């Protein structure tokens, strides 16, 4: 197996695992009932992302994606808070 083939196999495996994971989470009707656990998971993900952000990308895969998703999450939270404040005033 060449290094290129091995890289493709890993990428395909990652893509399949990501698709299966998204499918599993999409099957959950609402995370509202699991808010506290979801907050704990987000906190752990944020801590791991900060810890491994400076590690070479191939050593710890998906850190860049996690960082970006966390940024999007916090942007959405701030936008929702601003919208709520505008409705109150």
C-alpha atoms as a PDB file:
ATOM      1  CA  UNK A   1       0.000   0.000   0.000  1.00  0.00           C
ATOM      2  CA  UNK A   2       1.449   3.345  -1.018  1.00  0.00           C
ATOM      3  CA  UNK A   3       1.347   6.370   1.310  1.00  0.00           C
ATOM      4  CA  UNK A   4      -1.165   8.005  -1.045  1.00  0.00           C
ATOM      5  CA  UNK A   5      -3.453   4.973  -0.931  1.00  0.00           C
ATOM      6  CA  UNK A   6      -3.186   4.837   2.843  1.00  0.00           C
ATOM      7  CA  UNK A   7      -4.082   8.536   3.060  1.00  0.00           C
ATOM      8  CA  UNK A   8      -7.123   7.966   0.832  1.00  0.00           C
ATOM      9  CA  UNK A   9      -8.225   5.004   2.949  1.00  0.00           C
ATOM     10  CA  UNK A  10      -7.990   7.096   6.124  1.00  0.00           C
ATOM     11  CA  UNK A  11      -9.858   9.987   4.478  1.00  0.00           C
ATOM     12  CA  UNK A  12     -12.611   7.644   3.259  1.00  0.00           C
ATOM     13  CA  UNK A  13     -12.898   6.051   6.684  1.00  0.00           C
ATOM     14  CA  UNK A  14     -13.105   9.480   8.322  1.00  0.00           C
ATOM     15  CA  UNK A  15     -15.787  10.602   5.860  1.00  0.00           C
ATOM     16  CA  UNK A  16     -17.840   7.464   6.491  1.00  0.00           C
ATOM     17  CA  UNK A  17     -17.521   7.813  10.268  1.00  0.00           C
ATOM     18  CA  UNK A  18     -18.486  11.497  10.064  1.00  0.00           C
ATOM     19  CA  UNK A  19     -21.571  10.674   7.954  1.00  0.00           C
ATOM     20  CA  UNK A  20     -22.644   7.920  10.353  1.00  0.00           C
ATOM     21  CA  UNK A  21     -22.140  10.233  13.335  1.00  0.00           C
ATOM     22  CA  UNK A  22     -24.183  13.029  11.749  1.00  0.00           C
ATOM     23  CA  UNK A  23     -26.922  10.540  10.943  1.00  0.00           C
ATOM     24  CA  UNK A  24     -27.016   9.330  14.551  1.00  0.00           C
ATOM     25  CA  UNK A  25     -27.231  12.866  15.939  1.00  0.00           C
ATOM     26  CA  UNK A  26     -29.844  13.882  13.366  1.00  0.00           C
ATOM     27  CA  UNK A  27     -32.019  11.040  14.621  1.00  0.00           C
ATOM     28  CA  UNK A  28     -32.262  12.740  18.038  1.00  0.00           C
ATOM     29  CA  UNK A  29     -35.471  14.798  17.940  1.00  0.00           C
ATOM     30  CA  UNK A  30     -34.188  17.467  20.319  1.00  0.00           C
ATOM     31  CA  UNK A  31     -31.148  18.013  22.480  1.00  0.00           C
ATOM     32  CA  UNK A  32     -33.122  20.286  24.819  1.00  0.00           C
ATOM     33  CA  UNK A  33     -33.666  17.447  27.291  1.00  0.00           C
ATOM     34  CA  UNK A  34     -29.933  16.753  27.292  1.00  0.00           C
ATOM     35  CA  UNK A  35     -28.754  20.346  27.634  1.00  0.00           C
ATOM     36  CA  UNK A  36     -26.463  19.830  30.605  1.00  0.00           C
ATOM     37  CA  UNK A  37     -24.640  16.892  29.042  1.00  0.00           C
ATOM     38  CA  UNK A  38     -24.379  18.784  25.733  1.00  0.00           C
ATOM     39  CA  UNK A  39     -22.814  21.733  27.602  1.00  0.00           C
ATOM     40  CA  UNK A  40     -20.286  19.413  29.246  1.00  0.00           C
ATOM     41  CA  UNK A  41     -19.398  17.879  25.883  1.00  0.00           C
ATOM     42  CA  UNK A  42     -18.963  21.334  24.334  1.00  0.00           C
ATOM     43  CA  UNK A  43     -16.716  22.383  27.215  1.00  0.00           C
ATOM     44  CA  UNK A  44     -14.511  19.304  26.800  1.00  0.00           C
ATOM     45  CA  UNK A  45     -14.341  19.770  23.023  1.00  0.00           C
ATOM     46  CA  UNK A  46     -13.370  23.422  23.501  1.00  0.00           C
ATOM     47  CA  UNK A  47     -10.621  22.474  25.966  1.00  0.00           C
ATOM     48  CA  UNK A  48      -9.230  19.749  23.677  1.00  0.00           C
ATOM     49  CA  UNK A  49      -9.350  22.094  20.695  1.00  0.00           C
ATOM     50  CA  UNK A  50      -7.387  24.759  22.555  1.00  0.00           C
ATOM     51  CA  UNK A  51      -4.874  22.195  23.803  1.00  0.00           C
ATOM     52  CA  UNK A  52      -4.193  20.635  20.392  1.00  0.00           C
ATOM     53  CA  UNK A  53      -4.588  23.700  18.143  1.00  0.00           C
ATOM     54  CA  UNK A  54      -0.809  24.096  17.866  1.00  0.00           C
ATOM     55  CA  UNK A  55      -0.113  20.425  17.153  1.00  0.00           C
ATOM     56  CA  UNK A  56       0.574  19.559  13.536  1.00  0.00           C
ATOM     57  CA  UNK A  57      -2.692  18.911  11.761  1.00  0.00           C
ATOM     58  CA  UNK A  58      -1.861  15.336  10.732  1.00  0.00           C
ATOM     59  CA  UNK A  59      -1.056  14.401  14.337  1.00  0.00           C
ATOM     60  CA  UNK A  60      -4.499  15.362  15.691  1.00  0.00           C
ATOM     61  CA  UNK A  61      -7.116  15.301  12.929  1.00  0.00           C
ATOM     62  CA  UNK A  62     -10.247  17.423  12.969  1.00  0.00           C
ATOM     63  CA  UNK A  63      -8.938  20.128  15.333  1.00  0.00           C
ATOM     64  CA  UNK A  64      -9.317  22.822  12.664  1.00  0.00           C
ATOM     65  CA  UNK A  65     -12.868  21.645  11.966  1.00  0.00           C
ATOM     66  CA  UNK A  66     -13.709  21.639  15.672  1.00  0.00           C
ATOM     67  CA  UNK A  67     -12.261  25.130  16.094  1.00  0.00           C
ATOM     68  CA  UNK A  68     -14.333  26.414  13.204  1.00  0.00           C
ATOM     69  CA  UNK A  69     -17.503  24.757  14.444  1.00  0.00           C
ATOM     70  CA  UNK A  70     -17.002  26.161  17.927  1.00  0.00           C
ATOM     71  CA  UNK A  71     -16.550  29.639  16.403  1.00  0.00           C
ATOM     72  CA  UNK A  72     -19.793  29.223  14.444  1.00  0.00           C
ATOM     73  CA  UNK A  73     -21.565  27.984  17.573  1.00  0.00           C
ATOM     74  CA  UNK A  74     -20.526  31.040  19.586  1.00  0.00           C
ATOM     75  CA  UNK A  75     -21.479  33.381  16.737  1.00  0.00           C
ATOM     76  CA  UNK A  76     -24.939  31.837  16.673  1.00  0.00           C
ATOM     77  CA  UNK A  77     -25.255  32.128  20.459  1.00  0.00           C
ATOM     78  CA  UNK A  78     -24.274  35.809  20.347  1.00  0.00           C
ATOM     79  CA  UNK A  79     -26.667  36.514  17.457  1.00  0.00           C
ATOM     80  CA  UNK A  80     -29.532  34.827  19.337  1.00  0.00           C
ATOM     81  CA  UNK A  81     -28.746  36.845  22.474  1.00  0.00           C
ATOM     82  CA  UNK A  82     -28.636  40.094  20.481  1.00  0.00           C
ATOM     83  CA  UNK A  83     -31.943  39.214  18.815  1.00  0.00           C
ATOM     84  CA  UNK A  84     -33.531  38.523  22.214  1.00  0.00           C
ATOM     85  CA  UNK A  85     -32.235  41.831  23.585  1.00  0.00           C
ATOM     86  CA  UNK A  86     -33.626  43.696  20.568  1.00  0.00           C
ATOM     87  CA  UNK A  87     -37.027  42.126  21.149  1.00  0.00           C
ATOM     88  CA  UNK A  88     -37.002  43.240  24.791  1.00  0.00           C
ATOM     89  CA  UNK A  89     -36.203  46.875  23.954  1.00  0.00           C
END
